[in-house]
Amino acid sequence: MKATILHNPRCSKSREALALLTDAGADVTVIEYLKTPPSAAELARIYAKGGLSPRDGLRRAEADAKALSGADDTTVLDAMAANPILIERPLIETDKGVVIGRPPEAVRSIL
């Protein structure tokens, strides 16, 4: 099985999700999204595949997220692409779907 994870190696939840994927034998593509941010279009595609809204993928604890409280989806996606710290992590995609790995065990639903 192939999997892609938008990963932050400094995040314990992201490391746990990556470990679940590798333990399951997945062929994992790791994207350190803070170094290589996805485009707004790529984020839109991923969230749509997972039945998630961009707001679902917004890391609300970040100070810059508060300014997006009334923003439309396009504005949220553009902000995430410009400032990837706003992307809730980890974001995992397989052929079976997309989940935000919080809690990391959510990954099991798409293995």
N, C-alpha and C. Protein backbone atom coordinates (compact mmCIF):
# COMPACT_ATOMS: atom_id res chain seq x y z
N MET A 1 0.84 -1.17 0.00
CA MET A 1 0.00 0.00 0.00
C MET A 1 0.89 1.24 0.00
N LYS A 2 0.48 2.23 -0.77
CA LYS A 2 1.19 3.50 -0.82
C LYS A 2 0.50 4.48 0.12
N ALA A 3 1.31 5.31 0.76
CA ALA A 3 0.78 6.33 1.66
C ALA A 3 1.65 7.58 1.52
N THR A 4 1.03 8.71 1.70
CA THR A 4 1.74 9.99 1.73
C THR A 4 1.38 10.66 3.04
N ILE A 5 2.39 11.20 3.70
CA ILE A 5 2.16 11.90 4.96
C ILE A 5 2.79 13.28 4.88
N LEU A 6 1.98 14.29 5.18
CA LEU A 6 2.52 15.64 5.39
C LEU A 6 2.98 15.63 6.84
N HIS A 7 4.27 15.70 7.02
CA HIS A 7 4.92 15.34 8.27
C HIS A 7 5.76 16.48 8.83
N ASN A 8 5.73 16.59 10.15
CA ASN A 8 6.63 17.48 10.87
C ASN A 8 7.39 16.60 11.84
N PRO A 9 8.68 16.35 11.61
CA PRO A 9 9.43 15.43 12.47
C PRO A 9 9.55 15.89 13.92
N ARG A 10 9.27 17.16 14.19
CA ARG A 10 9.32 17.65 15.57
C ARG A 10 8.03 17.38 16.34
N CYS A 11 6.99 16.90 15.66
CA CYS A 11 5.69 16.67 16.27
C CYS A 11 5.54 15.20 16.67
N SER A 12 5.24 14.95 17.92
CA SER A 12 5.11 13.56 18.40
C SER A 12 3.96 12.84 17.71
N LYS A 13 2.84 13.53 17.47
CA LYS A 13 1.69 12.89 16.81
C LYS A 13 2.05 12.50 15.38
N SER A 14 2.80 13.35 14.72
CA SER A 14 3.23 13.06 13.36
C SER A 14 4.19 11.87 13.35
N ARG A 15 5.11 11.82 14.29
CA ARG A 15 6.03 10.68 14.38
C ARG A 15 5.27 9.39 14.67
N GLU A 16 4.27 9.44 15.54
CA GLU A 16 3.47 8.26 15.86
C GLU A 16 2.70 7.78 14.63
N ALA A 17 2.13 8.70 13.89
CA ALA A 17 1.38 8.32 12.68
C ALA A 17 2.31 7.69 11.65
N LEU A 18 3.49 8.25 11.48
CA LEU A 18 4.46 7.69 10.55
C LEU A 18 4.86 6.28 10.98
N ALA A 19 5.05 6.07 12.27
CA ALA A 19 5.39 4.74 12.77
C ALA A 19 4.26 3.75 12.49
N LEU A 20 3.01 4.15 12.66
CA LEU A 20 1.89 3.27 12.35
C LEU A 20 1.89 2.87 10.88
N LEU A 21 2.18 3.83 10.02
CA LEU A 21 2.22 3.54 8.58
C LEU A 21 3.35 2.56 8.25
N THR A 22 4.52 2.79 8.79
CA THR A 22 5.64 1.90 8.47
C THR A 22 5.45 0.53 9.10
N ASP A 23 4.90 0.49 10.31
CA ASP A 23 4.62 -0.81 10.94
C ASP A 23 3.60 -1.61 10.15
N ALA A 24 2.70 -0.92 9.45
CA ALA A 24 1.70 -1.60 8.63
C ALA A 24 2.26 -2.03 7.28
N GLY A 25 3.52 -1.70 7.03
CA GLY A 25 4.16 -2.09 5.79
C GLY A 25 3.88 -1.17 4.61
N ALA A 26 3.39 0.02 4.88
CA ALA A 26 3.08 0.96 3.80
C ALA A 26 4.36 1.48 3.16
N ASP A 27 4.27 1.73 1.87
CA ASP A 27 5.33 2.40 1.12
C ASP A 27 5.04 3.89 1.28
N VAL A 28 5.75 4.54 2.19
CA VAL A 28 5.41 5.89 2.62
C VAL A 28 6.26 6.95 1.92
N THR A 29 5.59 7.93 1.36
CA THR A 29 6.25 9.14 0.88
C THR A 29 6.08 10.18 1.97
N VAL A 30 7.19 10.64 2.50
CA VAL A 30 7.17 11.63 3.58
C VAL A 30 7.44 13.01 2.98
N ILE A 31 6.51 13.91 3.22
CA ILE A 31 6.68 15.30 2.78
C ILE A 31 6.78 16.17 4.03
N GLU A 32 7.94 16.74 4.24
CA GLU A 32 8.09 17.68 5.34
C GLU A 32 7.49 19.00 4.86
N TYR A 33 6.22 19.17 5.17
CA TYR A 33 5.43 20.25 4.58
C TYR A 33 5.90 21.65 4.98
N LEU A 34 6.66 21.76 6.07
CA LEU A 34 7.19 23.08 6.42
C LEU A 34 8.34 23.47 5.50
N LYS A 35 9.04 22.46 4.94
CA LYS A 35 10.13 22.70 4.00
C LYS A 35 9.62 22.73 2.56
N THR A 36 8.63 21.91 2.27
CA THR A 36 8.06 21.80 0.93
C THR A 36 6.54 21.93 1.05
N PRO A 37 6.03 23.14 1.15
CA PRO A 37 4.59 23.32 1.36
C PRO A 37 3.79 22.91 0.13
N PRO A 38 2.64 22.26 0.36
CA PRO A 38 1.76 21.95 -0.76
C PRO A 38 1.07 23.22 -1.26
N SER A 39 0.66 23.20 -2.50
CA SER A 39 -0.07 24.34 -3.05
C SER A 39 -1.49 24.34 -2.50
N ALA A 40 -2.16 25.45 -2.68
CA ALA A 40 -3.57 25.54 -2.27
C ALA A 40 -4.39 24.51 -3.04
N ALA A 41 -4.09 24.33 -4.33
CA ALA A 41 -4.83 23.36 -5.14
C ALA A 41 -4.61 21.93 -4.64
N GLU A 42 -3.39 21.60 -4.26
CA GLU A 42 -3.10 20.26 -3.74
C GLU A 42 -3.81 20.04 -2.40
N LEU A 43 -3.79 21.03 -1.55
CA LEU A 43 -4.52 20.91 -0.28
C LEU A 43 -6.01 20.73 -0.53
N ALA A 44 -6.56 21.48 -1.47
CA ALA A 44 -7.99 21.35 -1.79
C ALA A 44 -8.30 19.93 -2.26
N ARG A 45 -7.43 19.37 -3.10
CA ARG A 45 -7.63 18.01 -3.59
C ARG A 45 -7.61 17.00 -2.44
N ILE A 46 -6.61 17.14 -1.57
CA ILE A 46 -6.46 16.20 -0.46
C ILE A 46 -7.67 16.27 0.47
N TYR A 47 -8.05 17.48 0.86
CA TYR A 47 -9.19 17.63 1.77
C TYR A 47 -10.48 17.10 1.14
N ALA A 48 -10.68 17.38 -0.14
CA ALA A 48 -11.88 16.88 -0.82
C ALA A 48 -11.92 15.36 -0.81
N LYS A 49 -10.77 14.73 -1.06
CA LYS A 49 -10.71 13.27 -1.06
C LYS A 49 -11.09 12.71 0.31
N GLY A 50 -10.74 13.43 1.36
CA GLY A 50 -11.04 12.98 2.72
C GLY A 50 -12.39 13.44 3.23
N GLY A 51 -13.14 14.17 2.41
CA GLY A 51 -14.42 14.69 2.87
C GLY A 51 -14.25 15.74 3.96
N LEU A 52 -13.13 16.42 3.91
CA LEU A 52 -12.80 17.44 4.91
C LEU A 52 -12.89 18.82 4.29
N SER A 53 -13.23 19.79 5.09
CA SER A 53 -13.18 21.17 4.61
C SER A 53 -11.80 21.73 4.93
N PRO A 54 -11.38 22.77 4.24
CA PRO A 54 -10.11 23.39 4.60
C PRO A 54 -10.08 23.83 6.07
N ARG A 55 -11.21 24.27 6.57
CA ARG A 55 -11.29 24.67 7.97
C ARG A 55 -11.01 23.49 8.91
N ASP A 56 -11.41 22.26 8.49
CA ASP A 56 -11.10 21.06 9.29
C ASP A 56 -9.59 20.86 9.40
N GLY A 57 -8.87 21.28 8.36
CA GLY A 57 -7.43 21.09 8.33
C GLY A 57 -6.63 22.27 8.84
N LEU A 58 -7.30 23.25 9.38
CA LEU A 58 -6.64 24.44 9.89
C LEU A 58 -6.17 24.22 11.32
N ARG A 59 -4.92 24.48 11.55
CA ARG A 59 -4.34 24.34 12.89
C ARG A 59 -4.75 25.56 13.71
N ARG A 60 -5.86 25.42 14.41
CA ARG A 60 -6.49 26.54 15.10
C ARG A 60 -5.65 27.14 16.24
N ALA A 61 -4.72 26.37 16.77
CA ALA A 61 -3.91 26.86 17.89
C ALA A 61 -2.91 27.92 17.45
N GLU A 62 -2.67 28.04 16.15
CA GLU A 62 -1.72 29.04 15.66
C GLU A 62 -2.35 30.43 15.68
N ALA A 63 -1.57 31.40 16.06
CA ALA A 63 -2.07 32.77 16.17
C ALA A 63 -2.65 33.27 14.85
N ASP A 64 -2.01 32.95 13.73
CA ASP A 64 -2.49 33.42 12.43
C ASP A 64 -3.82 32.78 12.03
N ALA A 65 -4.18 31.68 12.65
CA ALA A 65 -5.45 31.02 12.32
C ALA A 65 -6.64 31.83 12.81
N LYS A 66 -6.47 32.54 13.88
CA LYS A 66 -7.58 33.32 14.43
C LYS A 66 -8.08 34.37 13.43
N ALA A 67 -7.18 34.92 12.63
CA ALA A 67 -7.56 35.92 11.63
C ALA A 67 -8.39 35.32 10.50
N LEU A 68 -8.42 33.99 10.41
CA LEU A 68 -9.15 33.31 9.34
C LEU A 68 -10.52 32.82 9.79
N SER A 69 -10.97 33.24 10.95
CA SER A 69 -12.22 32.70 11.51
C SER A 69 -13.42 32.88 10.60
N GLY A 70 -13.50 33.96 9.87
CA GLY A 70 -14.65 34.17 8.99
C GLY A 70 -14.32 34.03 7.52
N ALA A 71 -13.12 33.54 7.23
CA ALA A 71 -12.66 33.47 5.84
C ALA A 71 -13.31 32.33 5.07
N ASP A 72 -13.38 32.50 3.75
CA ASP A 72 -13.91 31.43 2.91
C ASP A 72 -12.82 30.38 2.66
N ASP A 73 -13.22 29.25 2.05
CA ASP A 73 -12.29 28.14 1.85
C ASP A 73 -11.06 28.53 1.03
N THR A 74 -11.26 29.31 -0.01
CA THR A 74 -10.15 29.71 -0.86
C THR A 74 -9.13 30.52 -0.07
N THR A 75 -9.60 31.42 0.77
CA THR A 75 -8.70 32.24 1.59
C THR A 75 -7.94 31.37 2.58
N VAL A 76 -8.63 30.41 3.19
CA VAL A 76 -7.98 29.50 4.14
C VAL A 76 -6.91 28.68 3.43
N LEU A 77 -7.22 28.12 2.28
CA LEU A 77 -6.26 27.32 1.52
C LEU A 77 -5.05 28.16 1.11
N ASP A 78 -5.29 29.37 0.63
CA ASP A 78 -4.19 30.25 0.25
C ASP A 78 -3.30 30.57 1.44
N ALA A 79 -3.91 30.80 2.59
CA ALA A 79 -3.14 31.08 3.80
C ALA A 79 -2.30 29.88 4.22
N MET A 80 -2.87 28.69 4.11
CA MET A 80 -2.12 27.47 4.45
C MET A 80 -0.92 27.26 3.52
N ALA A 81 -1.14 27.52 2.24
CA ALA A 81 -0.05 27.35 1.27
C ALA A 81 1.06 28.37 1.51
N ALA A 82 0.68 29.58 1.88
CA ALA A 82 1.66 30.65 2.14
C ALA A 82 2.35 30.49 3.48
N ASN A 83 1.65 29.93 4.46
CA ASN A 83 2.16 29.79 5.82
C ASN A 83 1.82 28.37 6.30
N PRO A 84 2.60 27.36 5.89
CA PRO A 84 2.23 25.96 6.13
C PRO A 84 2.13 25.56 7.60
N ILE A 85 2.60 26.39 8.51
CA ILE A 85 2.41 26.07 9.93
C ILE A 85 0.92 26.01 10.27
N LEU A 86 0.09 26.60 9.41
CA LEU A 86 -1.37 26.59 9.63
C LEU A 86 -2.02 25.25 9.29
N ILE A 87 -1.28 24.34 8.67
CA ILE A 87 -1.82 23.03 8.29
C ILE A 87 -1.78 22.11 9.51
N GLU A 88 -2.94 21.58 9.87
CA GLU A 88 -2.98 20.60 10.97
C GLU A 88 -2.25 19.35 10.53
N ARG A 89 -1.44 18.84 11.40
CA ARG A 89 -0.60 17.69 11.08
C ARG A 89 -0.89 16.54 12.01
N PRO A 90 -0.54 15.38 11.60
CA PRO A 90 -0.12 14.96 10.27
C PRO A 90 -1.33 14.75 9.37
N LEU A 91 -1.14 14.95 8.10
CA LEU A 91 -2.19 14.73 7.11
C LEU A 91 -1.74 13.54 6.26
N ILE A 92 -2.55 12.48 6.27
CA ILE A 92 -2.17 11.22 5.64
C ILE A 92 -3.15 10.86 4.54
N GLU A 93 -2.59 10.43 3.41
CA GLU A 93 -3.41 10.00 2.27
C GLU A 93 -2.98 8.61 1.83
N THR A 94 -3.97 7.73 1.63
CA THR A 94 -3.75 6.43 1.01
C THR A 94 -4.82 6.25 -0.05
N ASP A 95 -4.80 5.11 -0.73
CA ASP A 95 -5.85 4.83 -1.72
C ASP A 95 -7.23 4.76 -1.07
N LYS A 96 -7.26 4.48 0.23
CA LYS A 96 -8.54 4.33 0.94
C LYS A 96 -9.09 5.64 1.48
N GLY A 97 -8.30 6.72 1.42
CA GLY A 97 -8.82 7.98 1.91
C GLY A 97 -7.76 8.88 2.50
N VAL A 98 -8.25 9.87 3.22
CA VAL A 98 -7.40 10.90 3.84
C VAL A 98 -7.88 11.10 5.27
N VAL A 99 -6.92 11.21 6.19
CA VAL A 99 -7.25 11.55 7.58
C VAL A 99 -6.22 12.52 8.12
N ILE A 100 -6.64 13.27 9.10
CA ILE A 100 -5.73 14.04 9.92
C ILE A 100 -5.41 13.12 11.09
N GLY A 101 -4.15 12.85 11.29
CA GLY A 101 -3.72 11.86 12.28
C GLY A 101 -3.73 12.36 13.70
N ARG A 102 -4.82 12.90 14.14
CA ARG A 102 -5.03 13.33 15.52
C ARG A 102 -6.35 12.75 15.98
N PRO A 103 -6.32 11.72 16.73
CA PRO A 103 -5.17 11.02 17.27
C PRO A 103 -4.49 10.17 16.19
N PRO A 104 -3.25 9.77 16.41
CA PRO A 104 -2.53 8.99 15.41
C PRO A 104 -3.27 7.71 15.00
N GLU A 105 -4.03 7.14 15.89
CA GLU A 105 -4.77 5.90 15.59
C GLU A 105 -5.77 6.08 14.46
N ALA A 106 -6.11 7.31 14.13
CA ALA A 106 -7.04 7.58 13.02
C ALA A 106 -6.48 7.03 11.71
N VAL A 107 -5.16 6.89 11.64
CA VAL A 107 -4.51 6.34 10.45
C VAL A 107 -5.03 4.94 10.14
N ARG A 108 -5.34 4.18 11.15
CA ARG A 108 -5.79 2.79 10.94
C ARG A 108 -7.02 2.72 10.03
N SER A 109 -7.84 3.76 10.02
CA SER A 109 -9.07 3.73 9.23
C SER A 109 -8.79 3.77 7.73
N ILE A 110 -7.58 4.14 7.31
CA ILE A 110 -7.28 4.20 5.88
C ILE A 110 -6.14 3.25 5.49
N LEU A 111 -5.85 2.31 6.34
CA LEU A 111 -4.82 1.31 6.02
C LEU A 111 -5.42 0.17 5.22
